[in-house]
Amino acid sequence: MAASPLSSFVEVPAGSPFSLQNIPFGVFCHVQSCMPRVGTRIGDTVLDLGALATAGLFTGPILSRHGDVFCRPVLNGFMALGRPAWQEARQTIQSLLRADNPTLRDNHELRSRALIAVHNVQMHLPAAIGDYTDFSSSRYHAHNVGTMFRGPDNALMENWLHMPVAYHGRASSIVVSGQDIHRPAGQIKPGDRDRPIFGPSRRLDFELEVGFFTGPGNQLGEPIPVQDARDHIFGLVLVNDWSARDIQTWEYRPLGPFLAKNFATSISPWVVTLDALEPFLVEGPRQEPEPLPYLQSTGRWGYDIDLEVQLQSAQMGHPVVISRSNFRHLYWNMAQQLAHHTITGCNVRPGDLLATGTISGPTPDSLGSLLELSWQGTKPLTLPNGETRTYLADGDRVTLTGRAQGDDYCVGFGEVSARILPCPAS
């Protein structure tokens, strides 16, 4: 863990996930304007980085020439500059926010423009997402789902322990936290029917995931080696990869998920950098059999990030926690995911999003989907008001949170939250 927390002249409430050790990046606009721009968050305040750049406060060798990246409506330009620029920005922002630095603290005119209460901002997607890939990297989740459909002796597919498997998702339907989700409709084949029917999904589910945005990227035909991954991972967000399990069951053979996943994926608005998470690095699980050489990562790639799922029905006044997991439960790490994705020479670009897949833990209360928590609908969850759930109902709100706890501070993601709306096709 890092030592004592840095002190800022901006108030940071006790326990806030947006401490001075965090410095996440996101895109926001003032509620009274429609001009999205890049900012960071400290406590309950958003700092307009475009205003700092215009004032000439980014004086480092990279950002003194490229500070205009903070005046744009997406982070892609900043992501493309690479890790030296990301670190330069982080160090400059931390310095400007320190309690003992008068540069911003005593510039009352700039402070009035650059520091905005969080309740006066609207968050946007942090990047123009060109491509989205979703992996299946939690062994606990893969084993649970495989056990349901194939039995415990054949739970993991033959390839699962040799490579991080994935599907190519739909970037156009990725939305930021706060945007509600319509229940999808599609083909469903109930077990008592000879032919499929069409209608709203009856088995709508959430998936507790984390995703990372890529930075500079690579040229077509030039893979990213596993040892270079840190130079290409800009930062992490929470991901809810909504899933229509009944549509998925009927459609997934032979090419995998399609309509069951393409209707929506929700992400948190603030991107937390690897530098902010470095104090929370831990060893990942032992991989047996040993991966092929191009997947053999060195150093620690696990992170001690507590993850939580809250559910609130339309009849409940407050949400209830239904699952607690941790990022460290991933079997395949981010470096391996990126190396495998590009080993064919596939090019990734600044702002592409790669997600982990559902992050389940080893205990019944650490499962990252209702499919597992209700064990394919056979063990309904009972909510505090007496309602039960096997899958999501209209009006339900699902909120995912993530935070890494230091000795006297926290580095967190905030939340990704959305409510289920009725199917427009019903």
Protein backbone atom coordinates (compact mmCIF):
# COMPACT_ATOMS: atom_id res chain seq x y z
CA MET A 1 0.00 0.00 0.00
CA ALA A 2 1.07 3.59 -0.60
CA ALA A 3 2.11 5.76 2.32
CA SER A 4 0.13 8.68 3.81
CA PRO A 5 -2.37 10.33 1.52
CA LEU A 6 -1.55 13.51 -0.34
CA SER A 7 -3.40 16.59 0.86
CA SER A 8 -5.44 18.79 -1.52
CA PHE A 9 -6.88 22.27 -1.11
CA VAL A 10 -10.07 20.82 -2.64
CA GLU A 11 -12.16 19.08 -0.01
CA VAL A 12 -12.18 15.29 -0.33
CA PRO A 13 -14.82 13.63 1.87
CA ALA A 14 -13.62 10.73 3.99
CA GLY A 15 -13.88 7.49 2.06
CA SER A 16 -14.27 9.20 -1.31
CA PRO A 17 -13.10 6.97 -4.19
CA PHE A 18 -11.80 10.12 -5.90
CA SER A 19 -8.80 10.94 -3.71
CA LEU A 20 -5.74 12.84 -4.85
CA GLN A 21 -4.09 9.46 -5.41
CA ASN A 22 -6.66 8.64 -8.09
CA ILE A 23 -6.82 11.38 -10.79
CA PRO A 24 -9.12 9.55 -13.23
CA PHE A 25 -9.93 10.95 -16.66
CA GLY A 26 -13.38 11.49 -18.13
CA VAL A 27 -15.48 13.65 -20.43
CA PHE A 28 -18.10 16.01 -19.00
CA CYS A 29 -20.11 19.10 -19.78
CA HIS A 30 -21.72 21.67 -17.53
CA VAL A 31 -25.44 21.02 -17.18
CA GLN A 32 -26.11 24.48 -18.62
CA SER A 33 -23.94 23.94 -21.71
CA CYS A 34 -23.43 21.34 -24.42
CA MET A 35 -19.65 21.53 -24.78
CA PRO A 36 -18.11 18.19 -23.70
CA ARG A 37 -14.47 18.40 -22.62
CA VAL A 38 -11.90 16.45 -20.64
CA GLY A 39 -11.76 16.59 -16.86
CA THR A 40 -10.67 14.76 -13.76
CA ARG A 41 -12.45 14.29 -10.46
CA ILE A 42 -11.28 15.14 -6.96
CA GLY A 43 -13.77 14.42 -4.18
CA ASP A 44 -17.13 15.86 -5.23
CA THR A 45 -15.54 18.30 -7.67
CA VAL A 46 -14.73 18.02 -11.38
CA LEU A 47 -11.59 19.80 -12.60
CA ASP A 48 -11.76 21.14 -16.17
CA LEU A 49 -8.42 20.13 -17.73
CA GLY A 50 -9.15 22.16 -20.84
CA ALA A 51 -9.26 25.29 -18.68
CA LEU A 52 -5.86 24.39 -17.19
CA ALA A 53 -4.41 23.77 -20.65
CA THR A 54 -5.73 27.11 -21.96
CA ALA A 55 -4.15 28.81 -18.95
CA GLY A 56 -0.80 27.25 -19.86
CA LEU A 57 -0.46 25.13 -16.73
CA PHE A 58 0.63 21.95 -18.54
CA THR A 59 4.29 22.90 -18.95
CA GLY A 60 5.88 19.45 -19.38
CA PRO A 61 7.74 18.50 -22.56
CA ILE A 62 4.80 16.58 -24.07
CA LEU A 63 1.66 18.40 -22.95
CA SER A 64 3.10 21.90 -23.48
CA ARG A 65 2.86 20.94 -27.17
CA HIS A 66 -0.27 18.79 -27.02
CA GLY A 67 -2.41 20.38 -24.31
CA ASP A 68 -5.23 20.87 -26.80
CA VAL A 69 -6.15 17.18 -26.29
CA PHE A 70 -7.95 18.30 -23.12
CA CYS A 71 -10.20 20.67 -25.07
CA ARG A 72 -11.74 17.89 -27.16
CA PRO A 73 -15.02 16.02 -26.57
CA VAL A 74 -13.32 12.60 -26.31
CA LEU A 75 -10.14 11.22 -24.73
CA ASN A 76 -8.85 9.49 -27.87
CA GLY A 77 -6.25 12.15 -28.64
CA PHE A 78 -4.84 12.00 -25.12
CA MET A 79 -4.90 8.19 -25.17
CA ALA A 80 -2.87 8.22 -28.41
CA LEU A 81 -0.01 10.21 -26.80
CA GLY A 82 1.13 7.22 -24.76
CA ARG A 83 2.12 6.50 -21.19
CA PRO A 84 4.79 9.25 -20.80
CA ALA A 85 2.07 11.83 -21.54
CA TRP A 86 -0.41 10.11 -19.20
CA GLN A 87 2.12 10.13 -16.38
CA GLU A 88 3.11 13.72 -17.08
CA ALA A 89 -0.53 14.82 -16.91
CA ARG A 90 -1.18 12.87 -13.72
CA GLN A 91 1.86 14.32 -11.96
CA THR A 92 1.03 17.88 -13.07
CA ILE A 93 -2.60 17.61 -11.92
CA GLN A 94 -1.62 16.15 -8.57
CA SER A 95 0.89 18.95 -8.07
CA LEU A 96 -1.63 21.67 -8.98
CA LEU A 97 -4.21 20.23 -6.57
CA ARG A 98 -1.85 19.92 -3.61
CA ALA A 99 -2.63 22.04 -0.59
CA ASP A 100 0.89 23.50 -0.55
CA ASN A 101 0.90 24.60 -4.22
CA PRO A 102 -0.48 28.17 -4.70
CA THR A 103 -0.56 28.08 -8.53
CA LEU A 104 -4.20 27.02 -8.81
CA ARG A 105 -5.15 27.38 -5.16
CA ASP A 106 -4.64 31.16 -5.14
CA ASN A 107 -5.81 31.89 -8.69
CA HIS A 108 -9.41 32.60 -7.78
CA GLU A 109 -10.53 33.52 -11.29
CA LEU A 110 -9.22 30.25 -12.77
CA ARG A 111 -10.54 28.24 -9.83
CA SER A 112 -14.03 29.62 -10.36
CA ARG A 113 -13.96 28.42 -13.99
CA ALA A 114 -12.05 25.17 -13.64
CA LEU A 115 -13.53 23.64 -10.47
CA ILE A 116 -17.16 22.55 -10.85
CA ALA A 117 -19.38 20.80 -8.33
CA VAL A 118 -20.14 17.28 -9.54
CA HIS A 119 -23.90 17.86 -9.32
CA ASN A 120 -23.52 20.56 -11.98
CA VAL A 121 -21.98 18.28 -14.61
CA GLN A 122 -23.23 15.64 -16.98
CA MET A 123 -20.90 12.77 -17.84
CA HIS A 124 -20.39 11.43 -21.36
CA LEU A 125 -18.71 8.36 -22.84
CA PRO A 126 -15.00 8.92 -22.24
CA ALA A 127 -13.94 7.94 -25.77
CA ALA A 128 -15.12 7.38 -29.30
CA ILE A 129 -15.04 3.58 -29.06
CA GLY A 130 -14.06 2.08 -32.39
CA ASP A 131 -14.08 -1.58 -31.36
CA TYR A 132 -15.21 -3.58 -28.35
CA THR A 133 -14.07 -7.08 -27.37
CA ASP A 134 -15.36 -9.02 -24.38
CA PHE A 135 -13.31 -11.88 -22.90
CA SER A 136 -14.17 -14.76 -20.62
CA SER A 137 -11.32 -14.56 -18.11
CA SER A 138 -12.75 -15.69 -14.76
CA ARG A 139 -12.25 -19.41 -14.21
CA TYR A 140 -14.91 -19.43 -11.50
CA HIS A 141 -17.50 -17.97 -13.87
CA ALA A 142 -16.52 -20.22 -16.78
CA HIS A 143 -16.64 -23.30 -14.56
CA ASN A 144 -20.01 -22.37 -13.07
CA VAL A 145 -21.66 -21.78 -16.43
CA GLY A 146 -20.05 -24.86 -17.94
CA THR A 147 -21.26 -26.97 -15.04
CA MET A 148 -24.84 -25.82 -15.62
CA PHE A 149 -24.83 -26.77 -19.28
CA ARG A 150 -22.32 -29.64 -19.54
CA GLY A 151 -21.82 -30.97 -16.02
CA PRO A 152 -18.81 -30.53 -13.68
CA ASP A 153 -16.60 -33.02 -15.52
CA ASN A 154 -16.84 -31.05 -18.77
CA ALA A 155 -17.32 -27.56 -17.37
CA LEU A 156 -14.34 -25.92 -19.09
CA MET A 157 -14.06 -26.15 -22.84
CA GLU A 158 -10.86 -27.78 -24.13
CA ASN A 159 -9.32 -24.45 -25.18
CA TRP A 160 -10.19 -22.40 -22.08
CA LEU A 161 -7.01 -23.08 -20.07
CA HIS A 162 -4.80 -22.37 -23.09
CA MET A 163 -5.99 -18.94 -24.20
CA PRO A 164 -8.28 -16.07 -23.17
CA VAL A 165 -11.38 -16.66 -25.29
CA ALA A 166 -13.55 -13.72 -26.34
CA TYR A 167 -16.27 -12.45 -28.64
CA HIS A 168 -16.37 -9.23 -30.67
CA GLY A 169 -19.08 -6.98 -29.22
CA ARG A 170 -21.01 -4.03 -30.58
CA ALA A 171 -19.35 -0.64 -29.93
CA SER A 172 -22.33 1.39 -31.11
CA SER A 173 -24.53 0.28 -28.19
CA ILE A 174 -22.04 1.06 -25.42
CA VAL A 175 -23.59 3.67 -23.13
CA VAL A 176 -22.42 5.61 -20.10
CA SER A 177 -23.74 5.07 -16.58
CA GLY A 178 -27.17 6.58 -16.01
CA GLN A 179 -28.67 5.70 -19.38
CA ASP A 180 -31.51 3.25 -18.84
CA ILE A 181 -31.77 0.01 -20.83
CA HIS A 182 -34.77 -1.35 -22.73
CA ARG A 183 -35.48 -5.04 -22.37
CA PRO A 184 -34.58 -6.64 -25.71
CA ALA A 185 -36.80 -8.86 -27.84
CA GLY A 186 -35.70 -11.75 -30.00
CA GLN A 187 -36.08 -15.40 -30.88
CA ILE A 188 -36.46 -17.71 -27.89
CA LYS A 189 -36.94 -21.46 -27.86
CA PRO A 190 -38.64 -22.60 -24.66
CA GLY A 191 -37.88 -26.17 -23.66
CA ASP A 192 -41.46 -27.28 -24.24
CA ARG A 193 -41.65 -25.94 -27.80
CA ASP A 194 -40.60 -27.55 -31.07
CA ARG A 195 -40.11 -24.17 -32.75
CA PRO A 196 -38.82 -20.81 -31.53
CA ILE A 197 -41.09 -17.94 -30.59
CA PHE A 198 -40.52 -14.19 -30.76
CA GLY A 199 -40.91 -11.94 -27.75
CA PRO A 200 -39.24 -9.98 -24.95
CA SER A 201 -36.38 -11.69 -23.18
CA ARG A 202 -37.54 -13.45 -20.03
CA ARG A 203 -34.03 -14.02 -18.72
CA LEU A 204 -32.37 -10.61 -18.76
CA ASP A 205 -29.15 -10.57 -16.75
CA PHE A 206 -26.27 -8.31 -15.71
CA GLU A 207 -22.57 -9.20 -15.81
CA LEU A 208 -20.06 -7.77 -13.35
CA GLU A 209 -17.01 -6.84 -15.41
CA VAL A 210 -14.08 -4.45 -15.72
CA GLY A 211 -12.79 -3.12 -19.03
CA PHE A 212 -9.69 -1.30 -20.22
CA PHE A 213 -9.18 1.31 -22.91
CA THR A 214 -6.23 0.94 -25.26
CA GLY A 215 -3.77 3.75 -25.85
CA PRO A 216 -1.38 4.22 -28.81
CA GLY A 217 -2.26 0.89 -30.40
CA ASN A 218 -0.31 -1.02 -33.02
CA GLN A 219 0.10 -1.20 -36.76
CA LEU A 220 -1.74 -3.89 -38.68
CA GLY A 221 0.48 -7.00 -38.77
CA GLU A 222 2.51 -6.05 -35.67
CA PRO A 223 1.36 -7.82 -32.47
CA ILE A 224 1.73 -6.17 -29.06
CA PRO A 225 4.07 -8.35 -26.94
CA VAL A 226 2.75 -9.27 -23.52
CA GLN A 227 5.67 -7.45 -21.86
CA ASP A 228 4.70 -4.16 -23.57
CA ALA A 229 1.08 -4.19 -22.45
CA ARG A 230 1.44 -1.46 -19.80
CA ASP A 231 2.44 1.00 -22.50
CA HIS A 232 -0.82 0.31 -24.33
CA ILE A 233 -3.40 0.20 -21.50
CA PHE A 234 -4.69 3.69 -20.77
CA GLY A 235 -6.97 2.83 -17.88
CA LEU A 236 -9.89 0.86 -16.49
CA VAL A 237 -13.66 1.29 -16.20
CA LEU A 238 -16.49 -0.77 -14.75
CA VAL A 239 -18.51 -2.69 -17.34
CA ASN A 240 -21.99 -4.21 -17.22
CA ASP A 241 -22.30 -6.48 -20.25
CA TRP A 242 -26.09 -6.95 -20.19
CA SER A 243 -27.13 -10.38 -21.43
CA ALA A 244 -30.40 -11.91 -22.62
CA ARG A 245 -29.78 -15.50 -21.56
CA ASP A 246 -32.75 -17.06 -23.36
CA ILE A 247 -31.89 -15.36 -26.65
CA GLN A 248 -28.26 -16.39 -26.14
CA THR A 249 -29.10 -20.06 -25.51
CA TRP A 250 -30.92 -20.36 -28.83
CA GLU A 251 -28.54 -18.35 -31.02
CA TYR A 252 -25.00 -18.98 -29.76
CA ARG A 253 -24.19 -22.16 -31.74
CA PRO A 254 -22.06 -22.14 -33.81
CA LEU A 255 -20.77 -18.53 -33.80
CA GLY A 256 -21.35 -17.37 -30.22
CA PRO A 257 -23.16 -14.31 -28.77
CA PHE A 258 -24.93 -11.91 -31.11
CA LEU A 259 -28.34 -10.36 -30.35
CA ALA A 260 -28.15 -11.53 -26.74
CA LYS A 261 -25.36 -8.99 -26.18
CA ASN A 262 -25.60 -6.29 -28.82
CA PHE A 263 -28.51 -4.27 -27.37
CA ALA A 264 -26.49 -2.53 -24.62
CA THR A 265 -23.26 -2.47 -22.64
CA SER A 266 -22.93 0.06 -19.80
CA ILE A 267 -19.65 1.54 -18.57
CA SER A 268 -18.63 3.91 -15.79
CA PRO A 269 -17.61 7.42 -16.91
CA TRP A 270 -14.27 7.83 -15.09
CA VAL A 271 -11.20 5.99 -16.43
CA VAL A 272 -8.77 4.98 -13.65
CA THR A 273 -5.15 4.68 -14.75
CA LEU A 274 -2.74 1.82 -14.07
CA ASP A 275 -0.50 4.27 -12.20
CA ALA A 276 -3.31 5.02 -9.74
CA LEU A 277 -3.85 1.28 -9.22
CA GLU A 278 -0.18 0.32 -8.93
CA PRO A 279 -0.18 0.24 -5.08
CA PHE A 280 -2.85 -2.47 -5.28
CA LEU A 281 -1.02 -4.94 -7.51
CA VAL A 282 -1.19 -8.58 -6.36
CA GLU A 283 -0.20 -11.93 -7.75
CA GLY A 284 -2.67 -13.55 -10.09
CA PRO A 285 -3.69 -17.21 -9.85
CA ARG A 286 -1.23 -19.90 -10.92
CA GLN A 287 -1.85 -20.91 -14.53
CA GLU A 288 -1.69 -24.63 -15.18
CA PRO A 289 -0.90 -25.78 -17.80
CA GLU A 290 1.72 -23.15 -18.52
CA PRO A 291 0.57 -20.84 -21.32
CA LEU A 292 2.35 -20.74 -24.64
CA PRO A 293 5.37 -18.39 -24.69
CA TYR A 294 3.54 -15.41 -26.25
CA LEU A 295 1.10 -15.46 -23.29
CA GLN A 296 3.67 -15.78 -20.51
CA SER A 297 3.44 -12.46 -18.63
CA THR A 298 6.02 -11.31 -16.11
CA GLY A 299 5.42 -9.27 -12.98
CA ARG A 300 2.16 -8.88 -11.13
CA TRP A 301 -1.03 -8.27 -13.10
CA GLY A 302 -3.69 -8.93 -10.48
CA TYR A 303 -5.29 -5.96 -8.71
CA ASP A 304 -6.96 -5.94 -5.30
CA ILE A 305 -10.11 -4.09 -6.40
CA ASP A 306 -13.29 -4.82 -4.47
CA LEU A 307 -16.32 -5.11 -6.76
CA GLU A 308 -19.96 -4.96 -5.71
CA VAL A 309 -23.38 -5.44 -7.29
CA GLN A 310 -26.46 -3.68 -5.92
CA LEU A 311 -30.04 -4.37 -6.99
CA GLN A 312 -33.04 -2.12 -6.35
CA SER A 313 -36.50 -3.10 -7.53
CA ALA A 314 -39.17 -0.54 -8.39
CA GLN A 315 -40.85 -1.31 -5.06
CA MET A 316 -37.72 -0.87 -2.92
CA GLY A 317 -36.65 2.41 -1.32
CA HIS A 318 -32.98 1.43 -1.15
CA PRO A 319 -30.71 -0.98 -3.05
CA VAL A 320 -29.41 -4.21 -1.58
CA VAL A 321 -25.98 -5.74 -2.18
CA ILE A 322 -26.39 -9.11 -3.91
CA SER A 323 -22.75 -9.87 -4.78
CA ARG A 324 -19.22 -8.95 -3.70
CA SER A 325 -16.27 -10.03 -5.83
CA ASN A 326 -12.71 -8.88 -6.56
CA PHE A 327 -10.69 -8.15 -9.70
CA ARG A 328 -7.93 -10.46 -8.44
CA HIS A 329 -10.13 -13.48 -9.30
CA LEU A 330 -9.31 -13.17 -13.01
CA TYR A 331 -7.43 -16.16 -14.41
CA TRP A 332 -6.35 -14.44 -17.64
CA ASN A 333 -4.91 -10.98 -17.01
CA MET A 334 -5.11 -7.81 -19.11
CA ALA A 335 -1.62 -8.19 -20.58
CA GLN A 336 -2.51 -11.67 -21.82
CA GLN A 337 -5.83 -10.47 -23.20
CA LEU A 338 -4.14 -7.71 -25.21
CA ALA A 339 -1.30 -9.94 -26.42
CA HIS A 340 -3.72 -12.65 -27.52
CA HIS A 341 -6.03 -10.15 -29.23
CA THR A 342 -3.16 -8.82 -31.36
CA ILE A 343 -1.10 -11.98 -31.91
CA THR A 344 -2.57 -12.36 -35.40
CA GLY A 345 -1.49 -8.82 -36.22
CA CYS A 346 -4.92 -7.40 -35.46
CA ASN A 347 -4.57 -3.67 -34.86
CA VAL A 348 -6.11 -1.94 -31.84
CA ARG A 349 -6.57 1.81 -31.84
CA PRO A 350 -6.75 4.55 -29.19
CA GLY A 351 -10.10 4.23 -27.45
CA ASP A 352 -10.82 0.58 -28.20
CA LEU A 353 -12.43 -1.20 -25.23
CA LEU A 354 -11.52 -4.69 -24.02
CA ALA A 355 -13.58 -6.18 -21.17
CA THR A 356 -12.74 -9.01 -18.80
CA GLY A 357 -15.96 -11.00 -18.90
CA THR A 358 -17.90 -11.75 -15.73
CA ILE A 359 -15.70 -11.66 -12.61
CA SER A 360 -17.00 -14.30 -10.21
CA GLY A 361 -15.30 -15.42 -7.03
CA PRO A 362 -15.12 -18.77 -5.23
CA THR A 363 -18.03 -18.28 -2.81
CA PRO A 364 -21.82 -18.20 -3.37
CA ASP A 365 -21.98 -14.49 -2.48
CA SER A 366 -19.22 -13.54 -4.98
CA LEU A 367 -20.90 -14.58 -8.22
CA GLY A 368 -21.04 -11.93 -10.92
CA SER A 369 -24.33 -12.67 -12.68
CA LEU A 370 -27.89 -13.71 -11.86
CA LEU A 371 -27.37 -16.78 -14.02
CA GLU A 372 -24.96 -17.98 -11.32
CA LEU A 373 -26.56 -16.39 -8.26
CA SER A 374 -29.89 -18.09 -9.04
CA TRP A 375 -28.15 -21.12 -10.55
CA GLN A 376 -29.94 -20.88 -13.90
CA GLY A 377 -33.17 -19.84 -12.23
CA THR A 378 -33.43 -22.81 -9.87
CA LYS A 379 -32.53 -20.90 -6.68
CA PRO A 380 -34.39 -17.56 -6.62
CA LEU A 381 -32.90 -14.64 -4.69
CA THR A 382 -35.17 -13.22 -2.00
CA LEU A 383 -34.98 -9.43 -1.65
CA PRO A 384 -35.52 -7.60 1.69
CA ASN A 385 -39.11 -6.67 0.78
CA GLY A 386 -40.02 -10.29 0.01
CA GLU A 387 -39.74 -10.09 -3.78
CA THR A 388 -37.77 -12.82 -5.50
CA ARG A 389 -35.55 -12.73 -8.56
CA THR A 390 -34.12 -15.30 -10.90
CA TYR A 391 -33.54 -12.73 -13.64
CA LEU A 392 -34.14 -8.98 -13.91
CA ALA A 393 -37.63 -7.46 -13.88
CA ASP A 394 -38.73 -4.22 -15.50
CA GLY A 395 -38.03 -1.34 -13.15
CA ASP A 396 -35.01 -3.03 -11.54
CA ARG A 397 -31.92 -0.86 -11.15
CA VAL A 398 -28.51 -2.54 -11.20
CA THR A 399 -25.48 -0.65 -9.88
CA LEU A 400 -21.88 -1.88 -10.02
CA THR A 401 -19.15 -0.27 -7.92
CA GLY A 402 -15.41 -0.82 -7.63
CA ARG A 403 -12.79 0.50 -5.22
CA ALA A 404 -9.27 -0.26 -4.03
CA GLN A 405 -8.71 0.62 -0.39
CA GLY A 406 -5.39 2.02 0.83
CA ASP A 407 -4.39 2.69 4.42
CA ASP A 408 -5.90 6.19 4.55
CA TYR A 409 -7.36 6.72 1.12
CA CYS A 410 -9.35 5.06 -1.63
CA VAL A 411 -8.96 4.76 -5.40
CA GLY A 412 -12.30 4.01 -6.97
CA PHE A 413 -14.36 4.01 -10.13
CA GLY A 414 -17.61 5.48 -8.86
CA GLU A 415 -20.42 3.42 -10.32
CA VAL A 416 -22.13 2.18 -13.44
CA SER A 417 -25.88 2.16 -12.95
CA ALA A 418 -28.96 1.66 -15.13
CA ARG A 419 -32.63 0.79 -14.80
CA ILE A 420 -34.47 -1.80 -16.90
CA LEU A 421 -37.26 -0.32 -19.04
CA PRO A 422 -40.02 -2.38 -20.68
CA CYS A 423 -39.40 -3.87 -24.09
CA PRO A 424 -40.51 -1.41 -26.80
CA ALA A 425 -41.46 -4.33 -29.05
CA SER A 426 -43.93 -5.80 -26.54
